[in-house]
Protein backbone atom coordinates (compact mmCIF):
# COMPACT_ATOMS: atom_id res chain seq x y z
CA UNK A 1 0.00 0.00 0.00
CA UNK A 2 1.46 3.43 -0.87
CA UNK A 3 2.68 5.70 1.90
CA UNK A 4 0.04 8.11 3.10
CA UNK A 5 0.86 11.79 3.55
CA UNK A 6 0.32 12.84 7.20
CA UNK A 7 -2.07 15.59 6.06
CA UNK A 8 -4.34 12.92 4.51
CA UNK A 9 -4.64 10.93 7.72
CA UNK A 10 -8.05 10.75 9.39
CA UNK A 11 -6.60 10.91 12.92
CA UNK A 12 -3.78 13.02 14.34
CA UNK A 13 -2.03 12.87 17.72
CA UNK A 14 -1.00 15.94 19.71
CA UNK A 15 1.29 15.65 22.76
CA UNK A 16 2.00 18.48 25.19
CA UNK A 17 4.49 18.12 28.03
CA UNK A 18 4.29 20.35 31.12
CA UNK A 19 6.61 20.29 34.13
CA UNK A 20 4.69 17.53 35.93
CA UNK A 21 2.46 15.88 33.32
CA UNK A 22 2.04 14.91 29.68
CA UNK A 23 -1.28 15.29 27.85
CA UNK A 24 -2.15 13.50 24.61
CA UNK A 25 -5.14 14.23 22.37
CA UNK A 26 -6.30 12.10 19.43
CA UNK A 27 -8.31 14.14 16.93
CA UNK A 28 -10.41 12.94 14.03
CA UNK A 29 -10.59 15.06 10.88
CA UNK A 30 -11.34 12.90 7.89
CA UNK A 31 -11.86 14.27 4.39
CA UNK A 32 -14.46 11.51 3.78
CA UNK A 33 -17.14 9.78 5.86
CA UNK A 34 -15.52 6.64 7.26
CA UNK A 35 -15.17 4.32 10.22
CA UNK A 36 -11.81 4.19 11.99
CA UNK A 37 -10.31 2.13 14.80
CA UNK A 38 -7.53 3.25 17.13
CA UNK A 39 -5.51 2.23 20.14
CA UNK A 40 -3.75 4.77 22.35
CA UNK A 41 -1.14 3.50 24.84
CA UNK A 42 0.58 5.57 27.56
CA UNK A 43 3.52 3.92 29.32
CA UNK A 44 5.42 5.35 32.26
CA UNK A 45 5.15 4.46 35.94
CA UNK A 46 2.06 2.48 34.84
CA UNK A 47 0.40 1.63 31.52
CA UNK A 48 -2.95 2.99 30.30
CA UNK A 49 -4.77 2.00 27.12
CA UNK A 50 -7.75 3.41 25.28
CA UNK A 51 -9.14 1.58 22.27
CA UNK A 52 -12.03 2.74 20.18
CA UNK A 53 -13.97 2.51 16.94
CA UNK A 54 -15.89 5.48 15.64
CA UNK A 55 -17.45 7.00 12.55
CA UNK A 56 -15.93 10.24 11.30
CA UNK A 57 -17.93 12.69 9.20
CA UNK A 58 -16.20 14.41 6.31
CA UNK A 59 -14.82 17.83 7.18
CA UNK A 60 -15.79 17.69 10.87
CA UNK A 61 -13.09 17.71 13.54
CA UNK A 62 -13.71 15.76 16.73
CA UNK A 63 -11.72 14.85 19.83
CA UNK A 64 -11.59 11.06 20.11
CA UNK A 65 -9.51 10.73 23.26
CA UNK A 66 -7.69 12.90 25.80
CA UNK A 67 -5.39 11.29 28.35
CA UNK A 68 -2.90 12.64 30.86
CA UNK A 69 0.00 10.98 32.67
CA UNK A 70 2.87 11.90 34.97
CA UNK A 71 5.89 13.37 33.19
CA UNK A 72 8.23 11.25 35.31
CA UNK A 73 10.83 9.85 32.91
CA UNK A 74 10.90 7.66 30.98
CA UNK A 75 7.51 7.76 29.26
CA UNK A 76 6.17 6.62 25.89
CA UNK A 77 2.95 7.47 24.10
CA UNK A 78 1.93 5.50 21.02
CA UNK A 79 -1.16 5.28 18.86
CA UNK A 80 -2.12 2.85 16.11
CA UNK A 81 -4.87 3.83 13.66
CA UNK A 82 -6.70 1.75 11.06
CA UNK A 83 -8.86 3.56 8.53
CA UNK A 84 -11.86 2.11 6.64
CA UNK A 85 -9.79 1.22 3.55
CA UNK A 86 -7.34 -0.80 5.67
CA UNK A 87 -4.63 1.88 5.80
CA UNK A 88 -2.78 1.55 9.11
CA UNK A 89 -0.30 4.00 10.63
CA UNK A 90 1.33 4.72 13.97
CA UNK A 91 2.39 7.70 16.02
CA UNK A 92 4.84 7.68 18.93
CA UNK A 93 6.51 10.19 21.22
CA UNK A 94 8.78 9.91 24.21
CA UNK A 95 11.26 7.16 24.92
CA UNK A 96 9.54 4.41 22.93
CA UNK A 97 11.59 1.35 21.91
C-alpha atoms as a PDB file:
ATOM      1  CA  UNK A   1       0.000   0.000   0.000  1.00  0.00           C
ATOM      2  CA  UNK A   2       1.461   3.429  -0.870  1.00  0.00           C
ATOM      3  CA  UNK A   3       2.678   5.703   1.904  1.00  0.00           C
ATOM      4  CA  UNK A   4       0.042   8.114   3.097  1.00  0.00           C
ATOM      5  CA  UNK A   5       0.859  11.790   3.546  1.00  0.00           C
ATOM      6  CA  UNK A   6       0.323  12.839   7.197  1.00  0.00           C
ATOM      7  CA  UNK A   7      -2.070  15.586   6.065  1.00  0.00           C
ATOM      8  CA  UNK A   8      -4.337  12.923   4.506  1.00  0.00           C
ATOM      9  CA  UNK A   9      -4.636  10.926   7.722  1.00  0.00           C
ATOM     10  CA  UNK A  10      -8.046  10.749   9.393  1.00  0.00           C
ATOM     11  CA  UNK A  11      -6.595  10.911  12.920  1.00  0.00           C
ATOM     12  CA  UNK A  12      -3.780  13.016  14.344  1.00  0.00           C
ATOM     13  CA  UNK A  13      -2.026  12.869  17.719  1.00  0.00           C
ATOM     14  CA  UNK A  14      -0.999  15.945  19.714  1.00  0.00           C
ATOM     15  CA  UNK A  15       1.287  15.646  22.756  1.00  0.00           C
ATOM     16  CA  UNK A  16       2.000  18.482  25.191  1.00  0.00           C
ATOM     17  CA  UNK A  17       4.489  18.124  28.034  1.00  0.00           C
ATOM     18  CA  UNK A  18       4.290  20.352  31.122  1.00  0.00           C
ATOM     19  CA  UNK A  19       6.609  20.287  34.131  1.00  0.00           C
ATOM     20  CA  UNK A  20       4.689  17.531  35.932  1.00  0.00           C
ATOM     21  CA  UNK A  21       2.460  15.878  33.321  1.00  0.00           C
ATOM     22  CA  UNK A  22       2.043  14.911  29.684  1.00  0.00           C
ATOM     23  CA  UNK A  23      -1.276  15.290  27.847  1.00  0.00           C
ATOM     24  CA  UNK A  24      -2.150  13.501  24.610  1.00  0.00           C
ATOM     25  CA  UNK A  25      -5.142  14.225  22.373  1.00  0.00           C
ATOM     26  CA  UNK A  26      -6.300  12.104  19.434  1.00  0.00           C
ATOM     27  CA  UNK A  27      -8.312  14.145  16.935  1.00  0.00           C
ATOM     28  CA  UNK A  28     -10.407  12.942  14.035  1.00  0.00           C
ATOM     29  CA  UNK A  29     -10.585  15.060  10.880  1.00  0.00           C
ATOM     30  CA  UNK A  30     -11.338  12.904   7.886  1.00  0.00           C
ATOM     31  CA  UNK A  31     -11.857  14.271   4.395  1.00  0.00           C
ATOM     32  CA  UNK A  32     -14.460  11.511   3.779  1.00  0.00           C
ATOM     33  CA  UNK A  33     -17.139   9.781   5.860  1.00  0.00           C
ATOM     34  CA  UNK A  34     -15.524   6.644   7.261  1.00  0.00           C
ATOM     35  CA  UNK A  35     -15.165   4.320  10.217  1.00  0.00           C
ATOM     36  CA  UNK A  36     -11.814   4.193  11.993  1.00  0.00           C
ATOM     37  CA  UNK A  37     -10.305   2.128  14.797  1.00  0.00           C
ATOM     38  CA  UNK A  38      -7.533   3.254  17.132  1.00  0.00           C
ATOM     39  CA  UNK A  39      -5.513   2.229  20.145  1.00  0.00           C
ATOM     40  CA  UNK A  40      -3.747   4.768  22.350  1.00  0.00           C
ATOM     41  CA  UNK A  41      -1.140   3.501  24.841  1.00  0.00           C
ATOM     42  CA  UNK A  42       0.576   5.575  27.556  1.00  0.00           C
ATOM     43  CA  UNK A  43       3.521   3.922  29.317  1.00  0.00           C
ATOM     44  CA  UNK A  44       5.420   5.346  32.260  1.00  0.00           C
ATOM     45  CA  UNK A  45       5.145   4.457  35.942  1.00  0.00           C
ATOM     46  CA  UNK A  46       2.055   2.481  34.839  1.00  0.00           C
ATOM     47  CA  UNK A  47       0.400   1.633  31.520  1.00  0.00           C
ATOM     48  CA  UNK A  48      -2.953   2.992  30.304  1.00  0.00           C
ATOM     49  CA  UNK A  49      -4.773   2.002  27.117  1.00  0.00           C
ATOM     50  CA  UNK A  50      -7.748   3.409  25.275  1.00  0.00           C
ATOM     51  CA  UNK A  51      -9.135   1.580  22.267  1.00  0.00           C
ATOM     52  CA  UNK A  52     -12.030   2.738  20.177  1.00  0.00           C
ATOM     53  CA  UNK A  53     -13.969   2.514  16.941  1.00  0.00           C
ATOM     54  CA  UNK A  54     -15.893   5.479  15.640  1.00  0.00           C
ATOM     55  CA  UNK A  55     -17.446   7.003  12.551  1.00  0.00           C
ATOM     56  CA  UNK A  56     -15.930  10.237  11.299  1.00  0.00           C
ATOM     57  CA  UNK A  57     -17.930  12.691   9.198  1.00  0.00           C
ATOM     58  CA  UNK A  58     -16.199  14.413   6.309  1.00  0.00           C
ATOM     59  CA  UNK A  59     -14.823  17.828   7.180  1.00  0.00           C
ATOM     60  CA  UNK A  60     -15.792  17.694  10.866  1.00  0.00           C
ATOM     61  CA  UNK A  61     -13.089  17.714  13.543  1.00  0.00           C
ATOM     62  CA  UNK A  62     -13.706  15.760  16.728  1.00  0.00           C
ATOM     63  CA  UNK A  63     -11.716  14.847  19.828  1.00  0.00           C
ATOM     64  CA  UNK A  64     -11.588  11.061  20.114  1.00  0.00           C
ATOM     65  CA  UNK A  65      -9.510  10.729  23.261  1.00  0.00           C
ATOM     66  CA  UNK A  66      -7.694  12.900  25.796  1.00  0.00           C
ATOM     67  CA  UNK A  67      -5.390  11.294  28.348  1.00  0.00           C
ATOM     68  CA  UNK A  68      -2.900  12.636  30.864  1.00  0.00           C
ATOM     69  CA  UNK A  69      -0.002  10.980  32.670  1.00  0.00           C
ATOM     70  CA  UNK A  70       2.871  11.905  34.969  1.00  0.00           C
ATOM     71  CA  UNK A  71       5.887  13.371  33.193  1.00  0.00           C
ATOM     72  CA  UNK A  72       8.235  11.252  35.307  1.00  0.00           C
ATOM     73  CA  UNK A  73      10.834   9.849  32.910  1.00  0.00           C
ATOM     74  CA  UNK A  74      10.897   7.664  30.978  1.00  0.00           C
ATOM     75  CA  UNK A  75       7.510   7.765  29.256  1.00  0.00           C
ATOM     76  CA  UNK A  76       6.175   6.619  25.893  1.00  0.00           C
ATOM     77  CA  UNK A  77       2.948   7.465  24.095  1.00  0.00           C
ATOM     78  CA  UNK A  78       1.931   5.501  21.017  1.00  0.00           C
ATOM     79  CA  UNK A  79      -1.163   5.282  18.856  1.00  0.00           C
ATOM     80  CA  UNK A  80      -2.125   2.846  16.108  1.00  0.00           C
ATOM     81  CA  UNK A  81      -4.868   3.828  13.665  1.00  0.00           C
ATOM     82  CA  UNK A  82      -6.697   1.749  11.057  1.00  0.00           C
ATOM     83  CA  UNK A  83      -8.861   3.559   8.529  1.00  0.00           C
ATOM     84  CA  UNK A  84     -11.860   2.106   6.641  1.00  0.00           C
ATOM     85  CA  UNK A  85      -9.787   1.220   3.554  1.00  0.00           C
ATOM     86  CA  UNK A  86      -7.336  -0.798   5.673  1.00  0.00           C
ATOM     87  CA  UNK A  87      -4.631   1.878   5.796  1.00  0.00           C
ATOM     88  CA  UNK A  88      -2.780   1.553   9.113  1.00  0.00           C
ATOM     89  CA  UNK A  89      -0.301   4.000  10.630  1.00  0.00           C
ATOM     90  CA  UNK A  90       1.329   4.719  13.967  1.00  0.00           C
ATOM     91  CA  UNK A  91       2.393   7.703  16.020  1.00  0.00           C
ATOM     92  CA  UNK A  92       4.836   7.680  18.929  1.00  0.00           C
ATOM     93  CA  UNK A  93       6.506  10.187  21.223  1.00  0.00           C
ATOM     94  CA  UNK A  94       8.776   9.907  24.207  1.00  0.00           C
ATOM     95  CA  UNK A  95      11.255   7.156  24.920  1.00  0.00           C
ATOM     96  CA  UNK A  96       9.540   4.405  22.928  1.00  0.00           C
ATOM     97  CA  UNK A  97      11.586   1.353  21.911  1.00  0.00           C
END
